[in-house]
Protein backbone atom coordinates (compact mmCIF):
# COMPACT_ATOMS: atom_id res chain seq x y z
CA MET A 1 27.27 22.52 13.91
CA PRO A 2 24.21 21.63 16.06
CA TYR A 3 22.05 21.51 12.91
CA ILE A 4 24.37 18.93 11.33
CA ALA A 5 24.04 16.78 14.44
CA LEU A 6 20.28 17.33 14.36
CA TYR A 7 20.17 16.22 10.72
CA PHE A 8 21.99 12.98 11.56
CA SER A 9 19.74 12.39 14.58
CA VAL A 10 16.83 12.16 12.13
CA ALA A 11 18.60 10.68 9.10
CA ALA A 12 20.32 7.81 10.94
CA PRO A 13 17.25 6.23 12.54
CA PHE A 14 15.20 6.88 9.40
CA ALA A 15 17.67 5.13 7.10
CA LEU A 16 18.58 2.34 9.53
CA VAL A 17 15.02 1.37 10.44
CA ASP A 18 13.88 1.63 6.82
CA ALA A 19 16.78 -0.57 5.70
CA ILE A 20 15.76 -3.21 8.24
CA TRP A 21 12.14 -2.98 7.06
CA LEU A 22 13.14 -3.33 3.42
CA LYS A 23 15.44 -6.25 4.20
CA LEU A 24 12.66 -8.06 6.06
CA MET A 25 9.78 -7.15 3.75
CA GLY A 26 11.44 -6.53 0.39
CA GLN A 27 11.43 -10.02 -1.09
CA ARG A 28 8.35 -11.40 0.61
CA PHE A 29 6.06 -8.41 0.14
CA TYR A 30 7.21 -5.66 -2.21
CA PHE A 31 9.05 -7.73 -4.81
CA ALA A 32 6.50 -10.54 -4.65
CA THR A 33 3.71 -8.06 -5.39
CA LEU A 34 5.48 -5.96 -8.01
CA GLY A 35 6.94 -8.85 -9.99
CA GLU A 36 8.61 -8.02 -13.30
CA ILE A 37 8.65 -4.26 -12.79
CA VAL A 38 11.31 -4.57 -10.07
CA ARG A 39 14.91 -4.03 -11.22
CA ALA A 40 17.30 -6.94 -10.83
CA GLU A 41 19.82 -4.47 -9.37
CA PRO A 42 18.53 -1.30 -7.71
CA ASN A 43 19.71 2.09 -8.95
CA PRO A 44 21.40 3.52 -5.83
CA TRP A 45 21.32 7.21 -6.84
CA PRO A 46 17.59 7.91 -6.45
CA ALA A 47 17.62 6.03 -3.14
CA LEU A 48 20.61 8.02 -1.90
CA ILE A 49 18.95 11.31 -2.86
CA PHE A 50 15.74 10.25 -1.10
CA TYR A 51 17.58 9.31 2.11
CA LEU A 52 19.47 12.62 2.03
CA ILE A 53 16.47 14.91 1.51
CA TYR A 54 13.63 13.21 3.40
CA PRO A 55 15.11 13.95 6.85
CA LEU A 56 15.22 17.64 5.89
CA GLY A 57 11.45 17.52 5.43
CA LEU A 58 10.97 15.88 8.82
CA ILE A 59 13.18 18.49 10.47
CA THR A 60 11.41 21.38 8.75
CA PHE A 61 7.82 20.23 9.18
CA ALA A 62 7.94 18.21 12.40
CA VAL A 63 11.07 18.53 14.53
CA ILE A 64 11.58 22.30 14.56
CA PRO A 65 7.87 23.18 15.05
CA ALA A 66 7.66 20.67 17.91
CA HIS A 67 10.91 21.95 19.42
CA ASN A 68 9.55 25.50 19.32
CA VAL A 69 6.60 24.51 21.53
CA GLU A 70 8.56 21.86 23.47
CA SER A 71 6.21 19.00 22.67
CA SER A 72 7.45 15.49 21.95
CA GLY A 73 3.89 14.45 21.14
CA ARG A 74 3.70 17.18 18.52
CA ALA A 75 6.95 15.92 16.97
CA ALA A 76 5.56 12.41 16.71
CA LEU A 77 2.20 13.61 15.37
CA LEU A 78 3.70 15.96 12.78
CA GLY A 79 6.21 13.28 11.74
CA LEU A 80 3.37 10.80 11.42
CA LEU A 81 1.38 13.21 9.25
CA PHE A 82 4.41 14.10 7.12
CA GLY A 83 5.13 10.40 6.60
CA PHE A 84 1.49 9.66 5.88
CA PHE A 85 1.07 12.37 3.25
CA THR A 86 4.40 11.84 1.51
CA TYR A 87 4.09 8.07 1.35
CA ALA A 88 0.42 8.37 0.31
CA THR A 89 1.43 10.63 -2.56
CA TYR A 90 3.96 8.07 -3.76
CA ASP A 91 1.85 4.98 -3.21
CA LEU A 92 -1.44 6.27 -4.59
CA THR A 93 0.25 7.70 -7.66
CA ASN A 94 1.90 4.32 -8.27
CA GLN A 95 -1.39 2.53 -7.70
CA ALA A 96 -3.06 4.80 -10.26
CA ILE A 97 -0.53 4.09 -13.01
CA LEU A 98 1.19 0.76 -12.32
CA ARG A 99 -0.62 -2.47 -13.14
CA ASN A 100 0.96 -4.53 -10.34
CA TRP A 101 0.50 -1.96 -7.56
CA THR A 102 -2.19 -3.20 -5.15
CA THR A 103 -4.34 -1.54 -2.52
CA THR A 104 -2.71 -3.76 0.10
CA LEU A 105 0.72 -2.54 -0.96
CA SER A 106 -0.43 1.08 -0.73
CA VAL A 107 -2.02 0.65 2.71
CA VAL A 108 0.95 -1.20 4.20
CA ASP A 109 3.49 1.25 2.77
CA ILE A 110 1.52 4.34 3.82
CA VAL A 111 1.18 3.01 7.37
CA TRP A 112 4.90 2.19 7.33
CA GLY A 113 5.81 5.70 6.14
CA ALA A 114 3.62 7.28 8.82
CA LEU A 115 5.17 5.21 11.61
CA LEU A 116 8.70 5.73 10.31
CA GLY A 117 8.10 9.48 10.08
CA ALA A 118 6.73 9.60 13.62
CA GLY A 119 9.64 7.66 15.12
CA SER A 120 12.31 9.56 13.22
CA ALA A 121 10.79 12.95 14.08
CA TYR A 122 10.59 11.92 17.73
CA CYS A 123 14.30 11.01 17.69
CA GLY A 124 15.03 14.37 16.10
CA TYR A 125 12.96 16.17 18.72
CA LEU A 126 14.93 14.52 21.53
CA ALA A 127 18.17 15.60 19.88
CA ALA A 128 16.86 19.13 19.27
CA GLN A 129 16.04 19.49 22.96
CA ARG A 130 19.70 18.87 23.75
CA LEU A 131 21.33 20.56 20.76
CA LEU A 132 19.26 23.69 20.25
CA SER A 133 18.28 24.67 23.80
């Protein structure tokens, strides 16, 4: 049961903060840059799967290792690195194959992913300190 609570302590801030980001930046940045390759109506299933599995990566590669050494800074750093590398993989692959994908879009999204990973892992670390100790 504590691991379910831990999962939600990472998944909730991750999804909520990312939803706010996408609401604020979606039309004016992402959609404006990507143009005609953006769907008129998003397909919710890939997004749902992403939001379900990404927190598991943060827990595995950032929260639990940081909890094991009792370091909130390590949680934030590992979350930042996890976010950086995963978002870089996505963005740079898209930039390599999609005509409309720009360097600015890649840089902004990679920085966003790194910050979001750091913050979500930090939230998970705080919860792990209470739930798993």
